[in-house]
Amino acid sequence: MPKKIKELKHWLRQLGFTELPGKGSHTNWIHPLYAGKLTVSGKDSSDAKLYQEKDVQQAVKEVKSKQQQEKQEDE
């Protein structure tokens, strides 16, 4: 069963992404450790498309990886 758009946004907020307004139902997400921006489109109650879930998962993976690298460098 596909995730809802609001679940994807919740994941991004938990990880520290900042939400920037976009046009219409689009929201842009940025993070200091993520190169570029991530765009999520759709109403919160809508089902997320497979590509949207993959994009969010990839962004989460990238940020977590960079956070671990920074943590190891600090030690």
PDB file of N, CA and C in Angstrom:
ATOM      1  N   MET A   1       0.856  -1.184   0.000  1.00  0.00           N
ATOM      2  CA  MET A   1       0.000   0.000   0.000  1.00  0.00           C
ATOM      3  C   MET A   1       0.897   1.241   0.000  1.00  0.00           C
ATOM      4  N   PRO A   2       0.630   2.172  -0.880  1.00  0.00           N
ATOM      5  CA  PRO A   2       1.491   3.360  -0.957  1.00  0.00           C
ATOM      6  C   PRO A   2       1.361   4.250   0.278  1.00  0.00           C
ATOM      7  N   LYS A   3       2.433   4.939   0.571  1.00  0.00           N
ATOM      8  CA  LYS A   3       2.431   5.891   1.680  1.00  0.00           C
ATOM      9  C   LYS A   3       1.632   7.127   1.268  1.00  0.00           C
ATOM     10  N   LYS A   4       1.221   7.874   2.248  1.00  0.00           N
ATOM     11  CA  LYS A   4       0.547   9.143   2.001  1.00  0.00           C
ATOM     12  C   LYS A   4       1.601  10.249   1.914  1.00  0.00           C
ATOM     13  N   ILE A   5       1.268  11.306   1.205  1.00  0.00           N
ATOM     14  CA  ILE A   5       2.177  12.440   1.059  1.00  0.00           C
ATOM     15  C   ILE A   5       2.563  12.996   2.431  1.00  0.00           C
ATOM     16  N   LYS A   6       1.607  13.039   3.354  1.00  0.00           N
ATOM     17  CA  LYS A   6       1.910  13.592   4.677  1.00  0.00           C
ATOM     18  C   LYS A   6       2.933  12.736   5.425  1.00  0.00           C
ATOM     19  N   GLU A   7       2.979  11.421   5.161  1.00  0.00           N
ATOM     20  CA  GLU A   7       3.991  10.564   5.784  1.00  0.00           C
ATOM     21  C   GLU A   7       5.380  10.894   5.257  1.00  0.00           C
ATOM     22  N   LEU A   8       5.480  11.146   3.952  1.00  0.00           N
ATOM     23  CA  LEU A   8       6.763  11.510   3.370  1.00  0.00           C
ATOM     24  C   LEU A   8       7.257  12.832   3.970  1.00  0.00           C
ATOM     25  N   LYS A   9       6.354  13.782   4.093  1.00  0.00           N
ATOM     26  CA  LYS A   9       6.716  15.079   4.664  1.00  0.00           C
ATOM     27  C   LYS A   9       7.142  14.930   6.125  1.00  0.00           C
ATOM     28  N   HIS A  10       6.478  14.045   6.849  1.00  0.00           N
ATOM     29  CA  HIS A  10       6.823  13.803   8.249  1.00  0.00           C
ATOM     30  C   HIS A  10       8.245  13.252   8.370  1.00  0.00           C
ATOM     31  N   TRP A  11       8.603  12.299   7.501  1.00  0.00           N
ATOM     32  CA  TRP A  11       9.971  11.744   7.494  1.00  0.00           C
ATOM     33  C   TRP A  11      10.985  12.849   7.289  1.00  0.00           C
ATOM     34  N   LEU A  12      10.717  13.710   6.314  1.00  0.00           N
ATOM     35  CA  LEU A  12      11.651  14.782   5.994  1.00  0.00           C
ATOM     36  C   LEU A  12      11.793  15.757   7.161  1.00  0.00           C
ATOM     37  N   ARG A  13      10.687  16.102   7.803  1.00  0.00           N
ATOM     38  CA  ARG A  13      10.740  17.019   8.955  1.00  0.00           C
ATOM     39  C   ARG A  13      11.548  16.400  10.093  1.00  0.00           C
ATOM     40  N   GLN A  14      11.337  15.107  10.352  1.00  0.00           N
ATOM     41  CA  GLN A  14      12.045  14.426  11.434  1.00  0.00           C
ATOM     42  C   GLN A  14      13.555  14.457  11.220  1.00  0.00           C
ATOM     43  N   LEU A  15      13.981  14.396   9.989  1.00  0.00           N
ATOM     44  CA  LEU A  15      15.400  14.355   9.663  1.00  0.00           C
ATOM     45  C   LEU A  15      16.021  15.745   9.608  1.00  0.00           C
ATOM     46  N   GLY A  16      15.200  16.771   9.692  1.00  0.00           N
ATOM     47  CA  GLY A  16      15.729  18.127   9.729  1.00  0.00           C
ATOM     48  C   GLY A  16      15.647  18.882   8.417  1.00  0.00           C
ATOM     49  N   PHE A  17      14.887  18.380   7.472  1.00  0.00           N
ATOM     50  CA  PHE A  17      14.684  19.104   6.217  1.00  0.00           C
ATOM     51  C   PHE A  17      13.805  20.326   6.488  1.00  0.00           C
ATOM     52  N   THR A  18      14.037  21.374   5.744  1.00  0.00           N
ATOM     53  CA  THR A  18      13.248  22.601   5.845  1.00  0.00           C
ATOM     54  C   THR A  18      12.322  22.676   4.646  1.00  0.00           C
ATOM     55  N   GLU A  19      11.069  22.985   4.920  1.00  0.00           N
ATOM     56  CA  GLU A  19      10.054  23.057   3.859  1.00  0.00           C
ATOM     57  C   GLU A  19       9.975  24.464   3.283  1.00  0.00           C
ATOM     58  N   LEU A  20      10.055  24.548   1.977  1.00  0.00           N
ATOM     59  CA  LEU A  20       9.891  25.814   1.277  1.00  0.00           C
ATOM     60  C   LEU A  20       8.639  25.711   0.410  1.00  0.00           C
ATOM     61  N   PRO A  21       7.829  26.750   0.399  1.00  0.00           N
ATOM     62  CA  PRO A  21       6.612  26.676  -0.416  1.00  0.00           C
ATOM     63  C   PRO A  21       6.947  26.621  -1.903  1.00  0.00           C
ATOM     64  N   GLY A  22       6.128  25.908  -2.618  1.00  0.00           N
ATOM     65  CA  GLY A  22       6.263  25.821  -4.062  1.00  0.00           C
ATOM     66  C   GLY A  22       4.984  26.317  -4.709  1.00  0.00           C
ATOM     67  N   LYS A  23       4.829  26.014  -5.952  1.00  0.00           N
ATOM     68  CA  LYS A  23       3.649  26.459  -6.683  1.00  0.00           C
ATOM     69  C   LYS A  23       2.561  25.380  -6.579  1.00  0.00           C
ATOM     70  N   GLY A  24       1.367  25.772  -6.231  1.00  0.00           N
ATOM     71  CA  GLY A  24       0.265  24.819  -6.111  1.00  0.00           C
ATOM     72  C   GLY A  24       0.484  23.864  -4.956  1.00  0.00           C
ATOM     73  N   SER A  25       0.397  22.573  -5.239  1.00  0.00           N
ATOM     74  CA  SER A  25       0.541  21.575  -4.183  1.00  0.00           C
ATOM     75  C   SER A  25       1.990  21.117  -4.015  1.00  0.00           C
ATOM     76  N   HIS A  26       2.929  21.785  -4.675  1.00  0.00           N
ATOM     77  CA  HIS A  26       4.335  21.411  -4.593  1.00  0.00           C
ATOM     78  C   HIS A  26       5.001  22.049  -3.381  1.00  0.00           C
ATOM     79  N   THR A  27       5.848  21.279  -2.718  1.00  0.00           N
ATOM     80  CA  THR A  27       6.691  21.802  -1.650  1.00  0.00           C
ATOM     81  C   THR A  27       8.119  21.379  -1.951  1.00  0.00           C
ATOM     82  N   ASN A  28       9.041  22.279  -1.674  1.00  0.00           N
ATOM     83  CA  ASN A  28      10.458  22.003  -1.876  1.00  0.00           C
ATOM     84  C   ASN A  28      11.097  21.804  -0.512  1.00  0.00           C
ATOM     85  N   TRP A  29      12.038  20.886  -0.437  1.00  0.00           N
ATOM     86  CA  TRP A  29      12.682  20.534   0.820  1.00  0.00           C
ATOM     87  C   TRP A  29      14.185  20.652   0.659  1.00  0.00           C
ATOM     88  N   ILE A  30      14.819  21.329   1.627  1.00  0.00           N
ATOM     89  CA  ILE A  30      16.267  21.471   1.594  1.00  0.00           C
ATOM     90  C   ILE A  30      16.859  21.029   2.926  1.00  0.00           C
ATOM     91  N   HIS A  31      18.122  20.653   2.891  1.00  0.00           N
ATOM     92  CA  HIS A  31      18.850  20.226   4.084  1.00  0.00           C
ATOM     93  C   HIS A  31      20.310  20.578   3.845  1.00  0.00           C
ATOM     94  N   PRO A  32      21.016  21.031   4.880  1.00  0.00           N
ATOM     95  CA  PRO A  32      22.422  21.394   4.698  1.00  0.00           C
ATOM     96  C   PRO A  32      23.298  20.241   4.191  1.00  0.00           C
ATOM     97  N   LEU A  33      22.933  19.019   4.496  1.00  0.00           N
ATOM     98  CA  LEU A  33      23.733  17.874   4.088  1.00  0.00           C
ATOM     99  C   LEU A  33      23.232  17.215   2.801  1.00  0.00           C
ATOM    100  N   TYR A  34      22.205  17.771   2.206  1.00  0.00           N
ATOM    101  CA  TYR A  34      21.642  17.210   0.977  1.00  0.00           C
ATOM    102  C   TYR A  34      21.909  18.160  -0.181  1.00  0.00           C
ATOM    103  N   ALA A  35      22.513  17.640  -1.220  1.00  0.00           N
ATOM    104  CA  ALA A  35      22.827  18.468  -2.386  1.00  0.00           C
ATOM    105  C   ALA A  35      21.553  18.751  -3.174  1.00  0.00           C
ATOM    106  N   GLY A  36      21.261  20.000  -3.393  1.00  0.00           N
ATOM    107  CA  GLY A  36      20.082  20.363  -4.163  1.00  0.00           C
ATOM    108  C   GLY A  36      18.839  20.428  -3.303  1.00  0.00           C
ATOM    109  N   LYS A  37      17.709  20.255  -3.962  1.00  0.00           N
ATOM    110  CA  LYS A  37      16.436  20.282  -3.242  1.00  0.00           C
ATOM    111  C   LYS A  37      15.579  19.109  -3.700  1.00  0.00           C
ATOM    112  N   LEU A  38      14.640  18.759  -2.862  1.00  0.00           N
ATOM    113  CA  LEU A  38      13.724  17.665  -3.139  1.00  0.00           C
ATOM    114  C   LEU A  38      12.332  18.266  -3.269  1.00  0.00           C
ATOM    115  N   THR A  39      11.619  17.930  -4.318  1.00  0.00           N
ATOM    116  CA  THR A  39      10.270  18.443  -4.526  1.00  0.00           C
ATOM    117  C   THR A  39       9.262  17.326  -4.296  1.00  0.00           C
ATOM    118  N   VAL A  40       8.272  17.614  -3.458  1.00  0.00           N
ATOM    119  CA  VAL A  40       7.180  16.677  -3.194  1.00  0.00           C
ATOM    120  C   VAL A  40       5.897  17.368  -3.630  1.00  0.00           C
ATOM    121  N   SER A  41       5.129  16.693  -4.475  1.00  0.00           N
ATOM    122  CA  SER A  41       3.884  17.292  -4.951  1.00  0.00           C
ATOM    123  C   SER A  41       2.702  16.445  -4.533  1.00  0.00           C
ATOM    124  N   GLY A  42       1.577  17.086  -4.350  1.00  0.00           N
ATOM    125  CA  GLY A  42       0.349  16.396  -3.995  1.00  0.00           C
ATOM    126  C   GLY A  42      -0.200  16.868  -2.665  1.00  0.00           C
ATOM    127  N   LYS A  43      -1.483  16.641  -2.483  1.00  0.00           N
ATOM    128  CA  LYS A  43      -2.127  16.976  -1.222  1.00  0.00           C
ATOM    129  C   LYS A  43      -1.700  15.975  -0.160  1.00  0.00           C
ATOM    130  N   ASP A  44      -1.724  16.404   1.101  1.00  0.00           N
ATOM    131  CA  ASP A  44      -1.289  15.536   2.197  1.00  0.00           C
ATOM    132  C   ASP A  44      -2.049  14.214   2.241  1.00  0.00           C
ATOM    133  N   SER A  45      -3.313  14.216   1.877  1.00  0.00           N
ATOM    134  CA  SER A  45      -4.132  13.006   1.973  1.00  0.00           C
ATOM    135  C   SER A  45      -3.988  12.087   0.753  1.00  0.00           C
ATOM    136  N   SER A  46      -3.251  12.536  -0.264  1.00  0.00           N
ATOM    137  CA  SER A  46      -3.087  11.729  -1.486  1.00  0.00           C
ATOM    138  C   SER A  46      -2.050  10.632  -1.288  1.00  0.00           C
ATOM    139  N   ASP A  47      -2.213   9.561  -2.057  1.00  0.00           N
ATOM    140  CA  ASP A  47      -1.207   8.502  -2.064  1.00  0.00           C
ATOM    141  C   ASP A  47       0.029   9.005  -2.798  1.00  0.00           C
ATOM    142  N   ALA A  48       1.188   8.675  -2.252  1.00  0.00           N
ATOM    143  CA  ALA A  48       2.441   9.074  -2.903  1.00  0.00           C
ATOM    144  C   ALA A  48       2.723   8.131  -4.066  1.00  0.00           C
ATOM    145  N   LYS A  49       3.297   8.667  -5.102  1.00  0.00           N
ATOM    146  CA  LYS A  49       3.710   7.857  -6.248  1.00  0.00           C
ATOM    147  C   LYS A  49       4.984   7.112  -5.853  1.00  0.00           C
ATOM    148  N   LEU A  50       5.243   6.006  -6.523  1.00  0.00           N
ATOM    149  CA  LEU A  50       6.416   5.189  -6.213  1.00  0.00           C
ATOM    150  C   LEU A  50       7.702   5.995  -6.346  1.00  0.00           C
ATOM    151  N   TYR A  51       7.795   6.824  -7.391  1.00  0.00           N
ATOM    152  CA  TYR A  51       9.018   7.604  -7.584  1.00  0.00           C
ATOM    153  C   TYR A  51       9.214   8.614  -6.451  1.00  0.00           C
ATOM    154  N   GLN A  52       8.110   9.121  -5.882  1.00  0.00           N
ATOM    155  CA  GLN A  52       8.220  10.070  -4.775  1.00  0.00           C
ATOM    156  C   GLN A  52       8.775   9.374  -3.534  1.00  0.00           C
ATOM    157  N   GLU A  53       8.276   8.176  -3.268  1.00  0.00           N
ATOM    158  CA  GLU A  53       8.779   7.420  -2.123  1.00  0.00           C
ATOM    159  C   GLU A  53      10.266   7.124  -2.291  1.00  0.00           C
ATOM    160  N   LYS A  54      10.658   6.726  -3.501  1.00  0.00           N
ATOM    161  CA  LYS A  54      12.069   6.415  -3.758  1.00  0.00           C
ATOM    162  C   LYS A  54      12.935   7.656  -3.596  1.00  0.00           C
ATOM    163  N   ASP A  55      12.470   8.796  -4.094  1.00  0.00           N
ATOM    164  CA  ASP A  55      13.232  10.038  -3.965  1.00  0.00           C
ATOM    165  C   ASP A  55      13.435  10.408  -2.497  1.00  0.00           C
ATOM    166  N   VAL A  56      12.382  10.284  -1.695  1.00  0.00           N
ATOM    167  CA  VAL A  56      12.476  10.620  -0.275  1.00  0.00           C
ATOM    168  C   VAL A  56      13.389   9.626   0.439  1.00  0.00           C
ATOM    169  N   GLN A  57      13.263   8.345   0.133  1.00  0.00           N
ATOM    170  CA  GLN A  57      14.128   7.344   0.753  1.00  0.00           C
ATOM    171  C   GLN A  57      15.592   7.600   0.423  1.00  0.00           C
ATOM    172  N   GLN A  58      15.868   7.965  -0.820  1.00  0.00           N
ATOM    173  CA  GLN A  58      17.240   8.249  -1.237  1.00  0.00           C
ATOM    174  C   GLN A  58      17.787   9.475  -0.502  1.00  0.00           C
ATOM    175  N   ALA A  59      16.964  10.513  -0.358  1.00  0.00           N
ATOM    176  CA  ALA A  59      17.388  11.723   0.348  1.00  0.00           C
ATOM    177  C   ALA A  59      17.665  11.411   1.815  1.00  0.00           C
ATOM    178  N   VAL A  60      16.800  10.632   2.445  1.00  0.00           N
ATOM    179  CA  VAL A  60      16.979  10.248   3.846  1.00  0.00           C
ATOM    180  C   VAL A  60      18.270   9.449   4.001  1.00  0.00           C
ATOM    181  N   LYS A  61      18.495   8.518   3.094  1.00  0.00           N
ATOM    182  CA  LYS A  61      19.701   7.687   3.135  1.00  0.00           C
ATOM    183  C   LYS A  61      20.960   8.547   3.005  1.00  0.00           C
ATOM    184  N   GLU A  62      20.942   9.494   2.083  1.00  0.00           N
ATOM    185  CA  GLU A  62      22.097  10.361   1.858  1.00  0.00           C
ATOM    186  C   GLU A  62      22.404  11.212   3.089  1.00  0.00           C
ATOM    187  N   VAL A  63      21.380  11.798   3.681  1.00  0.00           N
ATOM    188  CA  VAL A  63      21.584  12.654   4.849  1.00  0.00           C
ATOM    189  C   VAL A  63      22.076  11.832   6.036  1.00  0.00           C
ATOM    190  N   LYS A  64      21.486  10.675   6.269  1.00  0.00           N
ATOM    191  CA  LYS A  64      21.925   9.829   7.384  1.00  0.00           C
ATOM    192  C   LYS A  64      23.368   9.392   7.204  1.00  0.00           C
ATOM    193  N   SER A  65      23.747   9.064   5.983  1.00  0.00           N
ATOM    194  CA  SER A  65      25.119   8.663   5.692  1.00  0.00           C
ATOM    195  C   SER A  65      26.089   9.803   5.998  1.00  0.00           C
ATOM    196  N   LYS A  66      25.750  10.999   5.582  1.00  0.00           N
ATOM    197  CA  LYS A  66      26.614  12.153   5.831  1.00  0.00           C
ATOM    198  C   LYS A  66      26.674  12.496   7.315  1.00  0.00           C
ATOM    199  N   GLN A  67      25.568  12.287   8.029  1.00  0.00           N
ATOM    200  CA  GLN A  67      25.568  12.532   9.468  1.00  0.00           C
ATOM    201  C   GLN A  67      26.503  11.557  10.174  1.00  0.00           C
ATOM    202  N   GLN A  68      26.510  10.298   9.737  1.00  0.00           N
ATOM    203  CA  GLN A  68      27.399   9.304  10.332  1.00  0.00           C
ATOM    204  C   GLN A  68      28.853   9.635  10.032  1.00  0.00           C
ATOM    205  N   GLN A  69      29.136  10.099   8.821  1.00  0.00           N
ATOM    206  CA  GLN A  69      30.497  10.485   8.462  1.00  0.00           C
ATOM    207  C   GLN A  69      30.981  11.627   9.341  1.00  0.00           C
ATOM    208  N   GLU A  70      30.135  12.613   9.553  1.00  0.00           N
ATOM    209  CA  GLU A  70      30.506  13.746  10.402  1.00  0.00           C
ATOM    210  C   GLU A  70      30.736  13.297  11.843  1.00  0.00           C
ATOM    211  N   LYS A  71      29.913  12.384  12.303  1.00  0.00           N
ATOM    212  CA  LYS A  71      30.039  11.876  13.664  1.00  0.00           C
ATOM    213  C   LYS A  71      31.372  11.146  13.836  1.00  0.00           C
ATOM    214  N   GLN A  72      31.738  10.335  12.827  1.00  0.00           N
ATOM    215  CA  GLN A  72      33.004   9.594  12.909  1.00  0.00           C
ATOM    216  C   GLN A  72      34.203  10.535  12.848  1.00  0.00           C
ATOM    217  N   GLU A  73      34.093  11.610  12.076  1.00  0.00           N
ATOM    218  CA  GLU A  73      35.179  12.570  11.976  1.00  0.00           C
ATOM    219  C   GLU A  73      35.380  13.326  13.296  1.00  0.00           C
ATOM    220  N   ASP A  74      34.299  13.535  14.024  1.00  0.00           N
ATOM    221  CA  ASP A  74      34.379  14.245  15.294  1.00  0.00           C
ATOM    222  C   ASP A  74      35.033  13.401  16.387  1.00  0.00           C
ATOM    223  N   GLU A  75      34.993  12.099  16.233  1.00  0.00           N
ATOM    224  CA  GLU A  75      35.527  11.210  17.269  1.00  0.00           C
ATOM    225  C   GLU A  75      37.025  11.106  17.221  1.00  0.00           C
TER     226      GLU A  75
END
